[in-house]
Amino acid sequence: MPWKGEKNPYKIWLSEIILQQTRVDQGLRYYNNFIAAFPTVHDLDAAQEQQVFKLWEGLGYYTRCKNLIATAKIIAGELQGQFPNTYESILKLKGVGPYTASAIASFAFNLPYAVVDGNVYRVLSRYFGISTPVDSTAGKTMYNELAAELLDKDMPGIYNQAIMDFGAVICKPQLPLCSSCVQNRECEAFRHGVVDALPVKEKVLRKKTRWFYYFVLEWNNRFYIRKRTKKDIWENLYEFSLIETNHPVAADPLMLQAMAEGFAGKEIAIGRISEEHTQKLSHQTITGRLIALKLNAPATLPEGYESVSKDELRQYAFPAFINNFLLEGFLSEKN
């Protein structure tokens, strides 16, 4: 990984923000693209917001991108490009929590702060046979104290990277390599046959389902889009006209036409209706369709919409839910 052994705090910060809630194999491409586009924090600060969001497109958890932009402006402007070099000052940056602050502090500045991520929780829980839930208040305190006690104070960066890699490669969530693990004789979970039961989580994630029906309104070879601004999923990304329902809607042209009459009137022609598509997020599942609508007059839409050409659409950052349809050719010439 290009960020391993890296000492530049800007690059370490960028990699850590990208890898929050993102698999390494997915985040690697985004990291390389960001470094190529914005090699320094000054480059990121000078970029247009839409350019940054477009580059982030597909990574999800877009609040990370919003915080990335805000923090770049603070470092490049208020701090004259000098990245904070103490744990406390790093922790004050927008979008940076204890884990990320510890990672930057230890990797960039060799400061003695233990990194505690999912990999570390798992290694410590199994090795010491700890059944206290990792997501409980008591558990978080216990694991952080234990990690700090075990930390190699002389080489905190190397130690932190080593235990994280050990959890990612050997002590994996599924099918850990226990039989060949050099620590298996001392591992409490292995000795007592409870590897698969640890670590313990207290909270059960309950997902809700939402149904999104996007109407792709076309008038005079231009399409209506708007930026999502509410505190909800996909904030700051663009979308077409959305009707959200509390139940699935069949691909019935008459029914969909009736749904669209509120912003398009009755003189409309339903075009292509996509297949139903589902995107699973961490706390919810989005299911729905895209419906192409040819208008005979400009749409009556709330404030915040703009009309763009087909070519201009590619310059805007859309949620993967919409982008997947676009990539499949929903707006191809034949449509």
C-alpha atoms as a PDB file:
ATOM      1  CA  MET A   1       0.000   0.000   0.000  1.00  0.00           C
ATOM      2  CA  PRO A   2       1.476   3.392  -0.967  1.00  0.00           C
ATOM      3  CA  TRP A   3       0.643   4.925   2.416  1.00  0.00           C
ATOM      4  CA  LYS A   4       2.577   2.300   4.406  1.00  0.00           C
ATOM      5  CA  GLY A   5       5.799   3.798   5.692  1.00  0.00           C
ATOM      6  CA  GLU A   6       4.609   7.222   4.572  1.00  0.00           C
ATOM      7  CA  LYS A   7       5.712  10.139   6.764  1.00  0.00           C
ATOM      8  CA  ASN A   8       3.899  12.966   4.992  1.00  0.00           C
ATOM      9  CA  PRO A   9       0.972  13.811   7.329  1.00  0.00           C
ATOM     10  CA  TYR A  10      -1.142  15.109   4.448  1.00  0.00           C
ATOM     11  CA  LYS A  11      -0.940  11.784   2.608  1.00  0.00           C
ATOM     12  CA  ILE A  12      -1.500   9.793   5.798  1.00  0.00           C
ATOM     13  CA  TRP A  13      -4.540  11.927   6.666  1.00  0.00           C
ATOM     14  CA  LEU A  14      -5.916  11.489   3.149  1.00  0.00           C
ATOM     15  CA  SER A  15      -5.475   7.707   3.258  1.00  0.00           C
ATOM     16  CA  GLU A  16      -7.076   7.423   6.694  1.00  0.00           C
ATOM     17  CA  ILE A  17     -10.123   9.485   5.712  1.00  0.00           C
ATOM     18  CA  ILE A  18     -10.600   7.429   2.535  1.00  0.00           C
ATOM     19  CA  LEU A  19     -10.231   4.139   4.420  1.00  0.00           C
ATOM     20  CA  GLN A  20     -12.877   5.059   7.004  1.00  0.00           C
ATOM     21  CA  GLN A  21     -15.779   2.712   6.202  1.00  0.00           C
ATOM     22  CA  THR A  22     -14.015   1.598   3.002  1.00  0.00           C
ATOM     23  CA  ARG A  23     -12.170  -1.611   2.121  1.00  0.00           C
ATOM     24  CA  VAL A  24      -8.486  -1.222   1.271  1.00  0.00           C
ATOM     25  CA  ASP A  25      -8.883  -2.756  -2.192  1.00  0.00           C
ATOM     26  CA  GLN A  26     -11.572  -0.194  -3.008  1.00  0.00           C
ATOM     27  CA  GLY A  27      -9.872   2.771  -1.359  1.00  0.00           C
ATOM     28  CA  LEU A  28      -6.499   2.251  -3.063  1.00  0.00           C
ATOM     29  CA  ARG A  29      -7.694   3.530  -6.448  1.00  0.00           C
ATOM     30  CA  TYR A  30      -9.320   6.583  -4.866  1.00  0.00           C
ATOM     31  CA  TYR A  31      -6.182   7.374  -2.879  1.00  0.00           C
ATOM     32  CA  ASN A  32      -4.006   7.235  -5.985  1.00  0.00           C
ATOM     33  CA  ASN A  33      -6.475   9.408  -7.915  1.00  0.00           C
ATOM     34  CA  PHE A  34      -6.597  12.008  -5.121  1.00  0.00           C
ATOM     35  CA  ILE A  35      -2.810  12.178  -4.807  1.00  0.00           C
ATOM     36  CA  ALA A  36      -2.498  12.582  -8.580  1.00  0.00           C
ATOM     37  CA  ALA A  37      -5.113  15.350  -8.669  1.00  0.00           C
ATOM     38  CA  PHE A  38      -4.151  17.059  -5.395  1.00  0.00           C
ATOM     39  CA  PRO A  39      -0.501  16.265  -4.517  1.00  0.00           C
ATOM     40  CA  THR A  40      -0.493  18.829  -1.677  1.00  0.00           C
ATOM     41  CA  VAL A  41      -3.020  20.232   0.751  1.00  0.00           C
ATOM     42  CA  HIS A  42      -2.797  23.554  -1.122  1.00  0.00           C
ATOM     43  CA  ASP A  43      -3.938  21.803  -4.315  1.00  0.00           C
ATOM     44  CA  LEU A  44      -6.901  20.288  -2.474  1.00  0.00           C
ATOM     45  CA  ASP A  45      -7.760  23.651  -0.939  1.00  0.00           C
ATOM     46  CA  ALA A  46      -7.699  25.359  -4.346  1.00  0.00           C
ATOM     47  CA  ALA A  47      -9.937  22.761  -6.032  1.00  0.00           C
ATOM     48  CA  GLN A  48     -13.580  23.387  -6.861  1.00  0.00           C
ATOM     49  CA  GLU A  49     -15.877  21.579  -4.440  1.00  0.00           C
ATOM     50  CA  GLN A  50     -17.679  19.840  -7.289  1.00  0.00           C
ATOM     51  CA  GLN A  51     -14.359  18.505  -8.608  1.00  0.00           C
ATOM     52  CA  VAL A  52     -13.542  16.953  -5.229  1.00  0.00           C
ATOM     53  CA  PHE A  53     -16.983  15.368  -4.867  1.00  0.00           C
ATOM     54  CA  LYS A  54     -16.765  13.995  -8.405  1.00  0.00           C
ATOM     55  CA  LEU A  55     -13.454  12.342  -7.563  1.00  0.00           C
ATOM     56  CA  TRP A  56     -15.001  10.933  -4.362  1.00  0.00           C
ATOM     57  CA  GLU A  57     -18.022   9.603  -6.277  1.00  0.00           C
ATOM     58  CA  GLY A  58     -18.761   5.979  -5.376  1.00  0.00           C
ATOM     59  CA  LEU A  59     -16.918   5.931  -2.026  1.00  0.00           C
ATOM     60  CA  GLY A  60     -20.032   6.652   0.015  1.00  0.00           C
ATOM     61  CA  TYR A  61     -20.288   8.331   3.426  1.00  0.00           C
ATOM     62  CA  TYR A  62     -20.033  11.706   1.718  1.00  0.00           C
ATOM     63  CA  THR A  63     -19.739  13.613   4.983  1.00  0.00           C
ATOM     64  CA  ARG A  64     -16.115  12.425   4.892  1.00  0.00           C
ATOM     65  CA  CYS A  65     -15.596  14.329   1.659  1.00  0.00           C
ATOM     66  CA  LYS A  66     -17.273  17.433   3.055  1.00  0.00           C
ATOM     67  CA  ASN A  67     -14.995  17.298   6.106  1.00  0.00           C
ATOM     68  CA  LEU A  68     -11.982  16.672   3.882  1.00  0.00           C
ATOM     69  CA  ILE A  69     -12.635  19.908   2.013  1.00  0.00           C
ATOM     70  CA  ALA A  70     -13.232  21.894   5.210  1.00  0.00           C
ATOM     71  CA  THR A  71     -10.066  20.588   6.862  1.00  0.00           C
ATOM     72  CA  ALA A  72      -7.936  21.262   3.772  1.00  0.00           C
ATOM     73  CA  LYS A  73      -9.030  24.905   3.892  1.00  0.00           C
ATOM     74  CA  ILE A  74      -8.096  25.171   7.575  1.00  0.00           C
ATOM     75  CA  ILE A  75      -4.651  23.632   7.084  1.00  0.00           C
ATOM     76  CA  ALA A  76      -3.845  25.529   3.889  1.00  0.00           C
ATOM     77  CA  GLY A  77      -5.283  28.817   5.124  1.00  0.00           C
ATOM     78  CA  GLU A  78      -5.263  29.262   8.899  1.00  0.00           C
ATOM     79  CA  LEU A  79      -2.221  27.021   9.437  1.00  0.00           C
ATOM     80  CA  GLN A  80      -0.281  28.180   6.333  1.00  0.00           C
ATOM     81  CA  GLY A  81      -0.006  24.623   5.062  1.00  0.00           C
ATOM     82  CA  GLN A  82       1.569  23.243   8.239  1.00  0.00           C
ATOM     83  CA  PHE A  83      -0.170  20.067   9.358  1.00  0.00           C
ATOM     84  CA  PRO A  84      -0.796  19.938  13.146  1.00  0.00           C
ATOM     85  CA  ASN A  85       1.905  17.855  14.837  1.00  0.00           C
ATOM     86  CA  THR A  86       0.398  16.960  18.216  1.00  0.00           C
ATOM     87  CA  TYR A  87      -2.341  14.445  18.981  1.00  0.00           C
ATOM     88  CA  GLU A  88      -4.544  17.110  20.583  1.00  0.00           C
ATOM     89  CA  SER A  89      -4.257  19.514  17.640  1.00  0.00           C
ATOM     90  CA  ILE A  90      -4.830  16.748  15.083  1.00  0.00           C
ATOM     91  CA  LEU A  91      -7.934  15.643  16.982  1.00  0.00           C
ATOM     92  CA  LYS A  92      -9.424  19.121  16.546  1.00  0.00           C
ATOM     93  CA  LEU A  93      -9.547  18.743  12.756  1.00  0.00           C
ATOM     94  CA  LYS A  94     -12.983  18.253  11.248  1.00  0.00           C
ATOM     95  CA  GLY A  95     -13.770  14.585  10.599  1.00  0.00           C
ATOM     96  CA  VAL A  96     -10.849  13.332  12.697  1.00  0.00           C
ATOM     97  CA  GLY A  97     -11.615  11.114  15.693  1.00  0.00           C
ATOM     98  CA  PRO A  98      -9.347   9.384  18.231  1.00  0.00           C
ATOM     99  CA  TYR A  99      -8.464   6.524  15.863  1.00  0.00           C
ATOM    100  CA  THR A 100      -7.479   8.768  12.937  1.00  0.00           C
ATOM    101  CA  ALA A 101      -5.639  11.205  15.228  1.00  0.00           C
ATOM    102  CA  SER A 102      -3.650   8.320  16.723  1.00  0.00           C
ATOM    103  CA  ALA A 103      -2.808   6.978  13.269  1.00  0.00           C
ATOM    104  CA  ILE A 104      -1.540  10.335  11.998  1.00  0.00           C
ATOM    105  CA  ALA A 105       0.308  11.108  15.233  1.00  0.00           C
ATOM    106  CA  SER A 106       2.126   7.762  15.308  1.00  0.00           C
ATOM    107  CA  PHE A 107       2.764   7.273  11.590  1.00  0.00           C
ATOM    108  CA  ALA A 108       3.779  10.847  10.722  1.00  0.00           C
ATOM    109  CA  PHE A 109       5.323  12.080  13.981  1.00  0.00           C
ATOM    110  CA  ASN A 110       6.208   8.846  15.836  1.00  0.00           C
ATOM    111  CA  LEU A 111       4.131   9.912  18.829  1.00  0.00           C
ATOM    112  CA  PRO A 112       3.144   7.188  21.346  1.00  0.00           C
ATOM    113  CA  TYR A 113      -0.561   6.820  20.628  1.00  0.00           C
ATOM    114  CA  ALA A 114      -2.127   3.403  20.085  1.00  0.00           C
ATOM    115  CA  VAL A 115      -4.358   2.915  17.062  1.00  0.00           C
ATOM    116  CA  VAL A 116      -7.488   0.924  17.878  1.00  0.00           C
ATOM    117  CA  ASP A 117      -9.528  -0.071  14.830  1.00  0.00           C
ATOM    118  CA  GLY A 118     -11.635  -3.145  14.056  1.00  0.00           C
ATOM    119  CA  ASN A 119      -8.539  -5.229  13.400  1.00  0.00           C
ATOM    120  CA  VAL A 120      -6.984  -4.293  16.741  1.00  0.00           C
ATOM    121  CA  TYR A 121     -10.218  -4.927  18.643  1.00  0.00           C
ATOM    122  CA  ARG A 122     -10.372  -8.397  17.115  1.00  0.00           C
ATOM    123  CA  VAL A 123      -6.738  -9.306  17.831  1.00  0.00           C
ATOM    124  CA  LEU A 124      -6.891  -8.150  21.443  1.00  0.00           C
ATOM    125  CA  SER A 125     -10.265  -9.771  22.093  1.00  0.00           C
ATOM    126  CA  ARG A 126      -9.150 -13.148  20.774  1.00  0.00           C
ATOM    127  CA  TYR A 127      -5.589 -13.132  22.119  1.00  0.00           C
ATOM    128  CA  PHE A 128      -6.632 -12.201  25.663  1.00  0.00           C
ATOM    129  CA  GLY A 129     -10.018 -13.961  25.555  1.00  0.00           C
ATOM    130  CA  ILE A 130     -11.988 -10.788  26.281  1.00  0.00           C
ATOM    131  CA  SER A 131     -15.778 -11.129  25.965  1.00  0.00           C
ATOM    132  CA  THR A 132     -16.644  -7.537  26.927  1.00  0.00           C
ATOM    133  CA  PRO A 133     -18.521  -6.073  23.925  1.00  0.00           C
ATOM    134  CA  VAL A 134     -16.227  -3.913  21.791  1.00  0.00           C
ATOM    135  CA  ASP A 135     -19.051  -1.429  21.113  1.00  0.00           C
ATOM    136  CA  SER A 136     -19.926  -0.867  24.777  1.00  0.00           C
ATOM    137  CA  THR A 137     -18.617   2.076  26.781  1.00  0.00           C
ATOM    138  CA  ALA A 138     -16.791  -0.241  29.164  1.00  0.00           C
ATOM    139  CA  GLY A 139     -15.367  -2.232  26.266  1.00  0.00           C
ATOM    140  CA  LYS A 140     -14.040   0.796  24.400  1.00  0.00           C
ATOM    141  CA  THR A 141     -12.336   2.048  27.550  1.00  0.00           C
ATOM    142  CA  MET A 142     -10.844  -1.367  28.307  1.00  0.00           C
ATOM    143  CA  TYR A 143      -9.508  -1.979  24.799  1.00  0.00           C
ATOM    144  CA  ASN A 144      -8.038   1.503  24.482  1.00  0.00           C
ATOM    145  CA  GLU A 145      -6.252   1.162  27.826  1.00  0.00           C
ATOM    146  CA  LEU A 146      -4.948  -2.294  26.904  1.00  0.00           C
ATOM    147  CA  ALA A 147      -3.752  -1.109  23.481  1.00  0.00           C
ATOM    148  CA  ALA A 148      -1.940   1.845  25.076  1.00  0.00           C
ATOM    149  CA  GLU A 149      -0.279  -0.468  27.624  1.00  0.00           C
ATOM    150  CA  LEU A 150       0.966  -2.833  24.897  1.00  0.00           C
ATOM    151  CA  LEU A 151       2.181  -0.076  22.578  1.00  0.00           C
ATOM    152  CA  ASP A 152       5.884   0.008  21.738  1.00  0.00           C
ATOM    153  CA  LYS A 153       6.627   3.569  22.824  1.00  0.00           C
ATOM    154  CA  ASP A 154       9.894   3.693  20.863  1.00  0.00           C
ATOM    155  CA  MET A 155       8.351   2.548  17.566  1.00  0.00           C
ATOM    156  CA  PRO A 156       4.628   3.358  17.826  1.00  0.00           C
ATOM    157  CA  GLY A 157       4.107   3.759  14.094  1.00  0.00           C
ATOM    158  CA  ILE A 158       5.669   0.414  13.211  1.00  0.00           C
ATOM    159  CA  TYR A 159       3.866  -1.340  16.082  1.00  0.00           C
ATOM    160  CA  ASN A 160       0.479   0.133  15.151  1.00  0.00           C
ATOM    161  CA  GLN A 161       0.897  -0.868  11.510  1.00  0.00           C
ATOM    162  CA  ALA A 162       2.018  -4.365  12.538  1.00  0.00           C
ATOM    163  CA  ILE A 163      -0.950  -5.169  14.782  1.00  0.00           C
ATOM    164  CA  MET A 164      -3.403  -3.746  12.229  1.00  0.00           C
ATOM    165  CA  ASP A 165      -1.822  -5.857   9.464  1.00  0.00           C
ATOM    166  CA  PHE A 166      -1.848  -8.905  11.730  1.00  0.00           C
ATOM    167  CA  GLY A 167      -5.609  -8.496  12.194  1.00  0.00           C
ATOM    168  CA  ALA A 168      -6.206  -7.915   8.494  1.00  0.00           C
ATOM    169  CA  VAL A 169      -4.068 -10.792   7.188  1.00  0.00           C
ATOM    170  CA  ILE A 170      -3.884 -13.470   9.918  1.00  0.00           C
ATOM    171  CA  CYS A 171      -6.522 -12.821  12.587  1.00  0.00           C
ATOM    172  CA  LYS A 172      -9.237 -12.178   9.993  1.00  0.00           C
ATOM    173  CA  PRO A 173     -12.956 -11.812  10.823  1.00  0.00           C
ATOM    174  CA  GLN A 174     -13.794 -14.926   8.805  1.00  0.00           C
ATOM    175  CA  LEU A 175     -11.547 -17.974   8.364  1.00  0.00           C
ATOM    176  CA  PRO A 176      -8.603 -16.699  10.427  1.00  0.00           C
ATOM    177  CA  LEU A 177      -5.291 -18.508   9.869  1.00  0.00           C
ATOM    178  CA  CYS A 178      -5.153 -19.932  13.386  1.00  0.00           C
ATOM    179  CA  SER A 179      -3.384 -23.196  12.562  1.00  0.00           C
ATOM    180  CA  SER A 180      -0.367 -21.381  11.102  1.00  0.00           C
ATOM    181  CA  CYS A 181      -0.454 -18.382  13.458  1.00  0.00           C
ATOM    182  CA  VAL A 182       2.756 -17.925  15.440  1.00  0.00           C
ATOM    183  CA  GLN A 183       0.695 -16.661  18.387  1.00  0.00           C
ATOM    184  CA  ASN A 184      -1.743 -19.577  18.619  1.00  0.00           C
ATOM    185  CA  ARG A 185      -0.141 -21.165  21.716  1.00  0.00           C
ATOM    186  CA  GLU A 186      -0.704 -17.978  23.713  1.00  0.00           C
ATOM    187  CA  CYS A 187      -4.090 -17.093  22.154  1.00  0.00           C
ATOM    188  CA  GLU A 188      -6.886 -17.624  24.681  1.00  0.00           C
ATOM    189  CA  ALA A 189      -9.593 -17.818  22.021  1.00  0.00           C
ATOM    190  CA  PHE A 190      -7.700 -20.513  20.075  1.00  0.00           C
ATOM    191  CA  ARG A 191      -6.889 -22.512  23.208  1.00  0.00           C
ATOM    192  CA  HIS A 192     -10.534 -22.555  24.277  1.00  0.00           C
ATOM    193  CA  GLY A 193     -12.072 -22.966  20.824  1.00  0.00           C
ATOM    194  CA  VAL A 194     -13.987 -19.665  20.828  1.00  0.00           C
ATOM    195  CA  VAL A 195     -12.241 -17.809  17.986  1.00  0.00           C
ATOM    196  CA  ASP A 196     -15.457 -17.432  15.978  1.00  0.00           C
ATOM    197  CA  ALA A 197     -17.316 -16.074  19.021  1.00  0.00           C
ATOM    198  CA  LEU A 198     -14.950 -13.145  19.546  1.00  0.00           C
ATOM    199  CA  PRO A 199     -15.045 -10.214  19.528  1.00  0.00           C
ATOM    200  CA  VAL A 200     -18.511  -9.677  20.973  1.00  0.00           C
ATOM    201  CA  LYS A 201     -20.759  -6.855  19.791  1.00  0.00           C
ATOM    202  CA  GLU A 202     -23.551  -5.537  21.953  1.00  0.00           C
ATOM    203  CA  LYS A 203     -25.651  -3.734  19.396  1.00  0.00           C
ATOM    204  CA  VAL A 204     -27.524  -5.392  16.557  1.00  0.00           C
ATOM    205  CA  LEU A 205     -27.724  -3.180  13.475  1.00  0.00           C
ATOM    206  CA  ARG A 206     -31.294  -2.864  12.240  1.00  0.00           C
ATOM    207  CA  LYS A 207     -31.674  -1.663   8.702  1.00  0.00           C
ATOM    208  CA  LYS A 208     -34.638   0.151   7.242  1.00  0.00           C
ATOM    209  CA  THR A 209     -35.780   0.000   3.630  1.00  0.00           C
ATOM    210  CA  ARG A 210     -36.611   3.067   1.536  1.00  0.00           C
ATOM    211  CA  TRP A 211     -38.084   3.216  -1.962  1.00  0.00           C
ATOM    212  CA  PHE A 212     -36.722   5.889  -4.334  1.00  0.00           C
ATOM    213  CA  TYR A 213     -38.292   6.634  -7.719  1.00  0.00           C
ATOM    214  CA  TYR A 214     -36.239   9.024  -9.804  1.00  0.00           C
ATOM    215  CA  PHE A 215     -37.923  10.784 -12.711  1.00  0.00           C
ATOM    216  CA  VAL A 216     -35.404  11.824 -15.359  1.00  0.00           C
ATOM    217  CA  LEU A 217     -37.162  14.899 -16.720  1.00  0.00           C
ATOM    218  CA  GLU A 218     -36.035  15.941 -20.189  1.00  0.00           C
ATOM    219  CA  TRP A 219     -37.072  19.167 -21.863  1.00  0.00           C
ATOM    220  CA  ASN A 220     -35.486  20.516 -25.006  1.00  0.00           C
ATOM    221  CA  ASN A 221     -32.560  18.028 -24.738  1.00  0.00           C
ATOM    222  CA  ARG A 222     -31.723  19.142 -21.214  1.00  0.00           C
ATOM    223  CA  PHE A 223     -32.194  17.360 -17.901  1.00  0.00           C
ATOM    224  CA  TYR A 224     -33.302  18.676 -14.525  1.00  0.00           C
ATOM    225  CA  ILE A 225     -31.073  17.928 -11.537  1.00  0.00           C
ATOM    226  CA  ARG A 226     -30.588  19.295  -8.037  1.00  0.00           C
ATOM    227  CA  LYS A 227     -28.101  18.994  -5.183  1.00  0.00           C
ATOM    228  CA  ARG A 228     -29.175  17.059  -2.093  1.00  0.00           C
ATOM    229  CA  THR A 229     -28.803  19.500   0.796  1.00  0.00           C
ATOM    230  CA  LYS A 230     -30.751  17.929   3.667  1.00  0.00           C
ATOM    231  CA  LYS A 231     -29.054  16.002   6.474  1.00  0.00           C
ATOM    232  CA  ASP A 232     -29.623  12.655   4.855  1.00  0.00           C
ATOM    233  CA  ILE A 233     -27.719  10.108   2.789  1.00  0.00           C
ATOM    234  CA  TRP A 234     -25.817  11.425  -0.231  1.00  0.00           C
ATOM    235  CA  GLU A 235     -25.680  15.016   1.021  1.00  0.00           C
ATOM    236  CA  ASN A 236     -24.067  17.369  -1.531  1.00  0.00           C
ATOM    237  CA  LEU A 237     -24.495  14.879  -4.380  1.00  0.00           C
ATOM    238  CA  TYR A 238     -26.837  15.501  -7.306  1.00  0.00           C
ATOM    239  CA  GLU A 239     -30.037  13.703  -8.208  1.00  0.00           C
ATOM    240  CA  PHE A 240     -33.012  13.807 -10.556  1.00  0.00           C
ATOM    241  CA  SER A 241     -36.571  14.530  -9.396  1.00  0.00           C
ATOM    242  CA  LEU A 242     -37.269  12.129  -6.569  1.00  0.00           C
ATOM    243  CA  ILE A 243     -40.468  10.699  -5.182  1.00  0.00           C
ATOM    244  CA  GLU A 244     -39.890   8.552  -2.103  1.00  0.00           C
ATOM    245  CA  THR A 245     -42.608   6.114  -1.081  1.00  0.00           C
ATOM    246  CA  ASN A 246     -43.121   3.818   1.890  1.00  0.00           C
ATOM    247  CA  HIS A 247     -43.805   0.830  -0.340  1.00  0.00           C
ATOM    248  CA  PRO A 248     -42.606  -0.565  -3.682  1.00  0.00           C
ATOM    249  CA  VAL A 249     -44.232   0.764  -6.882  1.00  0.00           C
ATOM    250  CA  ALA A 250     -44.725  -1.493  -9.889  1.00  0.00           C
ATOM    251  CA  ALA A 251     -43.294  -0.579 -13.310  1.00  0.00           C
ATOM    252  CA  ASP A 252     -46.738   0.497 -14.507  1.00  0.00           C
ATOM    253  CA  PRO A 253     -46.541   3.477 -16.938  1.00  0.00           C
ATOM    254  CA  LEU A 254     -49.966   4.804 -15.947  1.00  0.00           C
ATOM    255  CA  MET A 255     -49.180   4.644 -12.238  1.00  0.00           C
ATOM    256  CA  LEU A 256     -45.783   6.262 -12.714  1.00  0.00           C
ATOM    257  CA  GLN A 257     -47.289   8.943 -14.940  1.00  0.00           C
ATOM    258  CA  ALA A 258     -49.803   9.765 -12.207  1.00  0.00           C
ATOM    259  CA  MET A 259     -46.939  10.051  -9.686  1.00  0.00           C
ATOM    260  CA  ALA A 260     -45.100  12.498 -11.959  1.00  0.00           C
ATOM    261  CA  GLU A 261     -48.004  14.815 -12.698  1.00  0.00           C
ATOM    262  CA  GLY A 262     -47.226  16.971  -9.660  1.00  0.00           C
ATOM    263  CA  PHE A 263     -44.125  18.441 -11.267  1.00  0.00           C
ATOM    264  CA  ALA A 264     -44.637  17.612 -14.920  1.00  0.00           C
ATOM    265  CA  GLY A 265     -48.341  18.100 -15.574  1.00  0.00           C
ATOM    266  CA  LYS A 266     -50.444  15.704 -17.636  1.00  0.00           C
ATOM    267  CA  GLU A 267     -48.825  16.430 -21.008  1.00  0.00           C
ATOM    268  CA  ILE A 268     -45.919  14.046 -20.515  1.00  0.00           C
ATOM    269  CA  ALA A 269     -44.683  10.884 -22.146  1.00  0.00           C
ATOM    270  CA  ILE A 270     -43.218   8.058 -20.078  1.00  0.00           C
ATOM    271  CA  GLY A 271     -40.099   6.737 -21.750  1.00  0.00           C
ATOM    272  CA  ARG A 272     -37.759   4.054 -20.521  1.00  0.00           C
ATOM    273  CA  ILE A 273     -38.440   2.462 -17.136  1.00  0.00           C
ATOM    274  CA  SER A 274     -35.371   0.892 -15.590  1.00  0.00           C
ATOM    275  CA  GLU A 275     -35.196  -2.447 -13.858  1.00  0.00           C
ATOM    276  CA  GLU A 276     -35.539  -2.286 -10.084  1.00  0.00           C
ATOM    277  CA  HIS A 277     -32.194  -1.577  -8.446  1.00  0.00           C
ATOM    278  CA  THR A 278     -31.075  -2.023  -4.821  1.00  0.00           C
ATOM    279  CA  GLN A 279     -28.181  -0.436  -2.984  1.00  0.00           C
ATOM    280  CA  LYS A 280     -27.324  -1.591   0.524  1.00  0.00           C
ATOM    281  CA  LEU A 281     -25.915   1.035   2.853  1.00  0.00           C
ATOM    282  CA  SER A 282     -24.702   0.513   6.400  1.00  0.00           C
ATOM    283  CA  HIS A 283     -28.007   1.454   8.066  1.00  0.00           C
ATOM    284  CA  GLN A 284     -30.530   1.233   5.266  1.00  0.00           C
ATOM    285  CA  THR A 285     -31.386  -0.351   1.954  1.00  0.00           C
ATOM    286  CA  ILE A 286     -32.449   1.790  -1.009  1.00  0.00           C
ATOM    287  CA  THR A 287     -34.624   0.168  -3.683  1.00  0.00           C
ATOM    288  CA  GLY A 288     -36.188   1.862  -6.693  1.00  0.00           C
ATOM    289  CA  ARG A 289     -36.060   2.793 -10.359  1.00  0.00           C
ATOM    290  CA  LEU A 290     -35.267   5.518 -12.857  1.00  0.00           C
ATOM    291  CA  ILE A 291     -38.093   6.641 -15.122  1.00  0.00           C
ATOM    292  CA  ALA A 292     -37.416   8.697 -18.245  1.00  0.00           C
ATOM    293  CA  LEU A 293     -39.953  11.449 -18.864  1.00  0.00           C
ATOM    294  CA  LYS A 294     -40.199  13.552 -22.031  1.00  0.00           C
ATOM    295  CA  LEU A 295     -41.780  16.941 -21.318  1.00  0.00           C
ATOM    296  CA  ASN A 296     -43.809  19.105 -23.699  1.00  0.00           C
ATOM    297  CA  ALA A 297     -43.134  22.213 -21.608  1.00  0.00           C
ATOM    298  CA  PRO A 298     -40.652  23.261 -18.918  1.00  0.00           C
ATOM    299  CA  ALA A 299     -41.143  21.434 -15.619  1.00  0.00           C
ATOM    300  CA  THR A 300     -42.648  23.150 -12.596  1.00  0.00           C
ATOM    301  CA  LEU A 301     -40.086  22.393  -9.942  1.00  0.00           C
ATOM    302  CA  PRO A 302     -39.104  23.850  -6.555  1.00  0.00           C
ATOM    303  CA  GLU A 303     -36.149  26.176  -6.187  1.00  0.00           C
ATOM    304  CA  GLY A 304     -32.756  24.516  -6.417  1.00  0.00           C
ATOM    305  CA  TYR A 305     -33.096  22.698  -9.740  1.00  0.00           C
ATOM    306  CA  GLU A 306     -30.930  23.402 -12.747  1.00  0.00           C
ATOM    307  CA  SER A 307     -31.088  22.072 -16.284  1.00  0.00           C
ATOM    308  CA  VAL A 308     -27.994  20.572 -17.896  1.00  0.00           C
ATOM    309  CA  SER A 309     -27.139  18.848 -21.148  1.00  0.00           C
ATOM    310  CA  LYS A 310     -26.354  15.154 -21.402  1.00  0.00           C
ATOM    311  CA  ASP A 311     -22.628  15.858 -21.677  1.00  0.00           C
ATOM    312  CA  GLU A 312     -22.707  18.181 -18.672  1.00  0.00           C
ATOM    313  CA  LEU A 313     -24.263  15.439 -16.532  1.00  0.00           C
ATOM    314  CA  ARG A 314     -20.908  13.679 -16.445  1.00  0.00           C
ATOM    315  CA  GLN A 315     -19.364  16.612 -14.600  1.00  0.00           C
ATOM    316  CA  TYR A 316     -21.660  16.200 -11.594  1.00  0.00           C
ATOM    317  CA  ALA A 317     -21.263  13.742  -8.737  1.00  0.00           C
ATOM    318  CA  PHE A 318     -24.244  11.392  -8.382  1.00  0.00           C
ATOM    319  CA  PRO A 319     -24.920   8.631  -5.836  1.00  0.00           C
ATOM    320  CA  ALA A 320     -23.914   5.158  -6.991  1.00  0.00           C
ATOM    321  CA  PHE A 321     -27.627   4.281  -7.025  1.00  0.00           C
ATOM    322  CA  ILE A 322     -28.122   6.702  -9.937  1.00  0.00           C
ATOM    323  CA  ASN A 323     -24.672   6.425 -11.449  1.00  0.00           C
ATOM    324  CA  ASN A 324     -25.048   2.684 -11.987  1.00  0.00           C
ATOM    325  CA  PHE A 325     -28.014   3.357 -14.258  1.00  0.00           C
ATOM    326  CA  LEU A 326     -26.163   6.080 -16.144  1.00  0.00           C
ATOM    327  CA  LEU A 327     -23.200   3.792 -16.706  1.00  0.00           C
ATOM    328  CA  GLU A 328     -25.558   1.152 -18.073  1.00  0.00           C
ATOM    329  CA  GLY A 329     -26.605   3.571 -20.784  1.00  0.00           C
ATOM    330  CA  PHE A 330     -29.939   4.790 -19.436  1.00  0.00           C
ATOM    331  CA  LEU A 331     -29.325   8.089 -21.235  1.00  0.00           C
ATOM    332  CA  SER A 332     -27.899   6.577 -24.405  1.00  0.00           C
ATOM    333  CA  GLU A 333     -28.833   8.042 -27.784  1.00  0.00           C
ATOM    334  CA  LYS A 334     -31.558   5.456 -28.445  1.00  0.00           C
ATOM    335  CA  ASN A 335     -33.402   6.626 -25.363  1.00  0.00           C
END
